[in-house]
N, C-alpha and C. Protein backbone atom coordinates (compact mmCIF):
# COMPACT_ATOMS: atom_id res chain seq x y z
N MET A 1 69.92 93.49 90.24
CA MET A 1 69.94 93.23 91.65
C MET A 1 71.32 93.56 92.20
N ALA A 2 71.37 94.13 93.36
CA ALA A 2 72.64 94.55 93.96
C ALA A 2 73.43 93.36 94.46
N GLU A 3 74.76 93.51 94.45
CA GLU A 3 75.62 92.44 94.97
C GLU A 3 75.51 92.40 96.49
N SER A 4 75.66 91.21 97.03
CA SER A 4 75.69 91.12 98.49
C SER A 4 77.12 91.36 98.95
N ILE A 5 77.28 92.27 99.88
CA ILE A 5 78.59 92.66 100.37
C ILE A 5 78.72 92.18 101.81
N LYS A 6 79.82 91.52 102.11
CA LYS A 6 80.06 91.04 103.46
C LYS A 6 80.77 92.14 104.24
N HIS A 7 80.11 92.69 105.24
CA HIS A 7 80.69 93.76 106.04
C HIS A 7 81.22 93.21 107.34
N SER A 8 82.15 93.93 107.90
CA SER A 8 82.67 93.58 109.20
C SER A 8 81.61 93.85 110.26
N LYS A 9 81.63 93.10 111.33
CA LYS A 9 80.65 93.29 112.39
C LYS A 9 80.77 94.66 113.03
N ALA A 10 81.99 95.19 113.07
CA ALA A 10 82.20 96.49 113.70
C ALA A 10 81.53 97.61 112.91
N VAL A 11 81.39 97.43 111.61
CA VAL A 11 80.84 98.47 110.75
C VAL A 11 79.32 98.40 110.68
N ARG A 12 78.76 97.27 111.01
CA ARG A 12 77.30 97.11 110.92
C ARG A 12 76.54 98.09 111.79
N ARG A 13 77.15 98.56 112.86
CA ARG A 13 76.44 99.45 113.76
C ARG A 13 76.11 100.80 113.10
N TYR A 14 76.80 101.13 112.00
CA TYR A 14 76.52 102.38 111.29
C TYR A 14 75.41 102.25 110.27
N GLY A 15 75.02 101.03 109.91
CA GLY A 15 73.96 100.84 108.93
C GLY A 15 74.35 101.39 107.58
N VAL A 16 73.48 102.21 106.99
CA VAL A 16 73.77 102.78 105.68
C VAL A 16 74.32 104.21 105.79
N ARG A 17 74.56 104.66 106.97
CA ARG A 17 75.01 106.04 107.17
C ARG A 17 76.51 106.19 106.90
N TYR A 18 76.93 107.40 106.60
CA TYR A 18 78.31 107.87 106.49
C TYR A 18 79.05 107.43 105.24
N GLY A 19 78.52 106.59 104.39
CA GLY A 19 79.16 106.21 103.15
C GLY A 19 80.06 104.99 103.30
N ARG A 20 80.20 104.29 102.21
CA ARG A 20 80.94 103.02 102.24
C ARG A 20 82.42 103.21 102.51
N ARG A 21 83.04 104.19 101.87
CA ARG A 21 84.49 104.40 102.04
C ARG A 21 84.83 104.77 103.47
N ASN A 22 84.01 105.61 104.08
CA ASN A 22 84.26 106.00 105.47
C ASN A 22 84.10 104.81 106.42
N ARG A 23 83.10 104.00 106.16
CA ARG A 23 82.91 102.81 107.00
C ARG A 23 84.05 101.82 106.82
N ASP A 24 84.57 101.68 105.60
CA ASP A 24 85.70 100.79 105.36
C ASP A 24 86.95 101.28 106.08
N LYS A 25 87.17 102.59 106.08
CA LYS A 25 88.32 103.16 106.79
C LYS A 25 88.22 102.90 108.29
N VAL A 26 87.05 103.09 108.84
CA VAL A 26 86.84 102.85 110.27
C VAL A 26 87.05 101.37 110.59
N ALA A 27 86.59 100.49 109.72
CA ALA A 27 86.74 99.06 109.95
C ALA A 27 88.21 98.66 109.97
N LYS A 28 89.01 99.22 109.05
CA LYS A 28 90.43 98.90 109.02
C LYS A 28 91.14 99.40 110.28
N LEU A 29 90.79 100.60 110.72
CA LEU A 29 91.40 101.13 111.94
C LEU A 29 91.03 100.30 113.16
N GLU A 30 89.78 99.89 113.25
CA GLU A 30 89.34 99.13 114.42
C GLU A 30 89.94 97.73 114.45
N VAL A 31 90.14 97.12 113.31
CA VAL A 31 90.80 95.82 113.27
C VAL A 31 92.24 95.96 113.74
N GLU A 32 92.92 97.00 113.27
CA GLU A 32 94.31 97.25 113.69
C GLU A 32 94.38 97.55 115.18
N GLN A 33 93.44 98.30 115.68
CA GLN A 33 93.43 98.71 117.09
C GLN A 33 93.20 97.54 118.03
N ARG A 34 92.35 96.61 117.64
CA ARG A 34 91.93 95.53 118.54
C ARG A 34 92.79 94.28 118.48
N LYS A 35 93.72 94.21 117.52
CA LYS A 35 94.56 93.03 117.46
C LYS A 35 95.64 93.10 118.53
N LYS A 36 96.27 91.97 118.81
CA LYS A 36 97.32 91.90 119.81
C LYS A 36 98.64 92.36 119.20
N HIS A 37 99.26 93.34 119.81
CA HIS A 37 100.52 93.89 119.34
C HIS A 37 101.66 93.35 120.19
N PRO A 38 102.89 93.29 119.64
CA PRO A 38 104.02 92.84 120.45
C PRO A 38 104.44 93.92 121.45
N CYS A 39 104.79 93.47 122.63
CA CYS A 39 105.20 94.38 123.71
C CYS A 39 106.62 94.87 123.44
N PRO A 40 106.89 96.17 123.59
CA PRO A 40 108.26 96.65 123.40
C PRO A 40 109.21 96.22 124.53
N ASN A 41 108.65 95.81 125.65
CA ASN A 41 109.46 95.39 126.79
C ASN A 41 109.81 93.91 126.72
N CYS A 42 108.80 93.03 126.59
CA CYS A 42 109.04 91.58 126.59
C CYS A 42 108.87 90.94 125.21
N ASN A 43 108.43 91.69 124.23
CA ASN A 43 108.23 91.24 122.84
C ASN A 43 107.20 90.12 122.71
N TYR A 44 106.33 89.98 123.67
CA TYR A 44 105.26 88.99 123.63
C TYR A 44 104.00 89.64 123.06
N PRO A 45 103.28 89.00 122.14
CA PRO A 45 102.11 89.65 121.53
C PRO A 45 100.89 89.66 122.45
N ALA A 46 100.93 90.50 123.47
CA ALA A 46 99.82 90.56 124.42
C ALA A 46 99.46 91.99 124.77
N VAL A 47 99.83 92.94 123.94
CA VAL A 47 99.55 94.35 124.21
C VAL A 47 98.17 94.69 123.70
N SER A 48 97.37 95.30 124.54
CA SER A 48 96.05 95.76 124.13
C SER A 48 95.86 97.19 124.56
N ARG A 49 94.93 97.87 123.93
CA ARG A 49 94.71 99.28 124.18
C ARG A 49 93.84 99.48 125.41
N VAL A 50 94.28 100.34 126.32
CA VAL A 50 93.53 100.68 127.51
C VAL A 50 92.61 101.85 127.22
N SER A 51 93.17 102.92 126.66
CA SER A 51 92.41 104.08 126.22
C SER A 51 93.20 104.74 125.11
N LEU A 52 92.80 105.91 124.70
CA LEU A 52 93.41 106.58 123.55
C LEU A 52 94.90 106.82 123.78
N GLY A 53 95.74 106.08 123.08
CA GLY A 53 97.18 106.25 123.18
C GLY A 53 97.83 105.57 124.36
N ILE A 54 97.09 104.87 125.20
CA ILE A 54 97.65 104.17 126.35
C ILE A 54 97.49 102.68 126.12
N TRP A 55 98.59 101.95 126.20
CA TRP A 55 98.64 100.53 125.92
C TRP A 55 99.18 99.79 127.13
N GLU A 56 98.77 98.53 127.30
CA GLU A 56 99.24 97.73 128.42
C GLU A 56 99.50 96.31 127.96
N CYS A 57 100.63 95.76 128.41
CA CYS A 57 100.96 94.36 128.13
C CYS A 57 100.31 93.51 129.21
N ARG A 58 99.60 92.48 128.77
CA ARG A 58 98.91 91.62 129.73
C ARG A 58 99.84 90.58 130.35
N LYS A 59 101.03 90.43 129.81
CA LYS A 59 101.97 89.47 130.37
C LYS A 59 102.85 90.12 131.43
N CYS A 60 103.54 91.21 131.06
CA CYS A 60 104.47 91.84 132.01
C CYS A 60 103.86 93.07 132.69
N HIS A 61 102.63 93.41 132.37
CA HIS A 61 101.88 94.52 132.98
C HIS A 61 102.58 95.87 132.82
N THR A 62 103.26 96.05 131.71
CA THR A 62 103.90 97.32 131.40
C THR A 62 102.88 98.23 130.73
N LYS A 63 102.73 99.44 131.25
CA LYS A 63 101.88 100.44 130.61
C LYS A 63 102.78 101.46 129.93
N PHE A 64 102.40 101.84 128.72
CA PHE A 64 103.19 102.81 127.97
C PHE A 64 102.28 103.56 127.02
N THR A 65 102.80 104.64 126.48
CA THR A 65 102.04 105.43 125.52
C THR A 65 102.60 105.20 124.12
N SER A 66 101.72 105.32 123.17
CA SER A 66 102.09 105.16 121.77
C SER A 66 101.04 105.87 120.93
N ARG A 67 100.88 105.44 119.71
CA ARG A 67 99.90 106.05 118.83
C ARG A 67 98.49 105.69 119.26
N ALA A 68 97.51 106.33 118.67
CA ALA A 68 96.12 106.14 119.09
C ALA A 68 95.57 104.78 118.70
N TYR A 69 95.89 104.28 117.50
CA TYR A 69 95.27 103.06 117.01
C TYR A 69 96.22 101.89 116.90
N THR A 70 97.52 102.11 117.03
CA THR A 70 98.49 101.03 116.92
C THR A 70 99.72 101.36 117.74
N VAL A 71 100.47 100.33 118.07
CA VAL A 71 101.68 100.53 118.86
C VAL A 71 102.82 100.97 117.98
N GLY A 72 102.90 100.41 116.78
CA GLY A 72 104.02 100.70 115.88
C GLY A 72 103.80 101.94 115.04
N LYS A 73 104.56 102.00 113.98
CA LYS A 73 104.52 103.15 113.08
C LYS A 73 103.50 103.00 111.96
N THR A 74 102.89 101.84 111.83
CA THR A 74 102.03 101.55 110.68
C THR A 74 100.57 101.81 111.02
N ALA A 75 100.20 103.05 111.15
CA ALA A 75 98.80 103.40 111.42
C ALA A 75 98.18 104.11 110.23
N THR A 76 98.53 103.67 109.04
CA THR A 76 98.02 104.31 107.84
C THR A 76 96.78 103.60 107.35
N VAL A 77 95.91 104.34 106.72
CA VAL A 77 94.71 103.78 106.12
C VAL A 77 94.82 103.96 104.62
N ALA A 78 95.03 102.87 103.91
CA ALA A 78 95.13 102.94 102.45
C ALA A 78 93.74 102.91 101.85
N GLU A 79 93.56 103.70 100.84
CA GLU A 79 92.24 103.76 100.17
C GLU A 79 92.17 102.75 99.07
């Protein structure tokens, strides 16, 4: 009998398609993308992504550009 694997809710929308490793990579990127990042202006963790590469702080309302999935330099996906 197969082991039961607990998947992230974000990955469930793919079902059994695209392979496990690809779904795991997407899940890691989406968790990184959706978490609250510290603002480079006020250093308060309230930065969220507006669109691809555009970020906005919800406290000081600063809009700025950065990487696609994260504000900092750590946008790597380890296998």
